[in-house]
Protein backbone atom coordinates (compact mmCIF):
# COMPACT_ATOMS: atom_id res chain seq x y z
CA MET A 1 177.71 -2.18 81.12
CA ILE A 2 179.73 -3.56 78.25
CA ASP A 3 181.55 -1.70 75.48
CA TRP A 4 181.80 -3.49 72.12
CA PRO A 5 183.67 -5.07 70.26
CA THR A 6 187.35 -5.80 71.12
CA GLY A 7 189.83 -5.56 73.93
CA GLY A 8 190.73 -6.70 77.45
CA GLY A 9 188.25 -8.98 79.08
CA CYS A 10 185.23 -8.83 81.33
CA ALA A 11 185.09 -12.38 82.54
CA ASN A 12 187.33 -15.39 82.94
CA ASP A 13 186.03 -17.38 80.01
CA ALA A 14 186.95 -18.18 76.41
CA PHE A 15 185.07 -15.13 75.06
CA ALA A 16 186.60 -12.53 77.40
CA ALA A 17 189.18 -11.28 74.88
CA ALA A 18 186.39 -10.06 72.55
CA TRP A 19 184.93 -7.60 75.09
CA VAL A 20 185.88 -4.41 76.90
CA CYS A 21 183.99 -3.47 80.04
CA SER A 22 183.10 0.18 80.51
CA ASP A 23 180.38 2.21 82.15
CA ILE A 24 178.26 3.58 79.33
CA VAL A 25 175.74 5.11 81.76
CA THR A 26 176.96 6.43 85.09
CA SER A 27 173.99 8.31 86.54
CA GLY A 28 171.01 6.87 88.34
CA GLY A 29 170.45 3.30 89.42
CA VAL A 30 170.92 1.76 85.99
CA GLY A 31 171.61 -1.74 84.77
CA ARG A 32 168.92 -3.71 86.54
CA GLN A 33 166.95 -6.19 84.50
CA SER A 34 169.21 -5.62 81.51
CA SER A 35 168.91 -7.48 78.24
CA MET A 36 171.28 -7.43 75.28
CA ALA A 37 170.58 -8.32 71.66
CA LEU A 38 172.35 -7.94 68.33
CA ASP A 39 170.46 -6.53 65.36
CA ASN A 40 170.71 -7.96 61.82
CA SER A 41 173.94 -6.01 61.27
CA GLY A 42 175.54 -7.39 64.45
CA VAL A 43 175.18 -4.09 66.34
CA PRO A 44 174.57 -4.55 70.07
CA TRP A 45 171.56 -2.98 71.81
CA ILE A 46 171.08 -3.07 75.57
CA ALA A 47 167.76 -2.41 77.30
CA TYR A 48 167.81 -1.74 81.04
CA ILE A 49 165.85 -0.23 83.92
CA ASP A 50 166.84 3.08 85.51
CA SER A 51 165.47 2.35 88.98
CA THR A 52 166.12 5.91 90.19
CA ASN A 53 163.66 7.35 87.68
CA SER A 54 161.59 4.21 86.99
CA ASP A 55 162.46 4.47 83.29
CA LEU A 56 163.04 1.84 80.64
CA GLU A 57 166.14 2.87 78.71
CA ILE A 58 168.03 1.59 75.71
CA ALA A 59 171.63 1.88 74.54
CA LYS A 60 172.84 1.23 70.99
CA TYR A 61 176.50 0.92 70.00
CA VAL A 62 177.27 3.58 67.35
CA GLY A 63 181.09 3.63 67.39
CA LYS A 64 181.36 7.41 67.80
CA GLY A 65 179.09 10.43 67.94
CA GLY A 66 176.56 8.89 70.32
CA THR A 67 174.56 10.99 72.77
CA GLY A 68 172.94 10.50 76.16
CA CYS A 69 175.62 8.12 77.49
CA ALA A 70 178.78 8.58 79.55
CA VAL A 71 180.79 7.55 76.45
CA ASP A 72 180.21 8.69 72.87
CA SER A 73 180.54 5.20 71.39
CA TRP A 74 176.95 4.49 72.52
CA ASP A 75 173.64 6.27 71.96
CA CYS A 76 171.37 6.13 75.02
CA SER A 77 167.74 7.17 75.39
CA THR A 78 164.65 6.66 77.50
CA ILE A 79 161.98 4.66 75.71
CA GLU A 80 159.39 4.62 78.50
CA SER A 81 159.02 6.84 81.57
């Protein structure tokens, strides 16, 4: 998954310098059927399927102090089991 907002590069395109790739969730079969959106404040949210548990999960970038993710810059939770 993608960590926001600045740094290295995830792809070989003109926007790559604005992104840093990192695994924000490392357990289960996560990331399938993912969708990303920005809220009105420009904060990224990512919804994705955990195929191991058949859950719909969501991750929100919080900068620091997040819970439920492999990194504390995101807040991750299950929204439907």
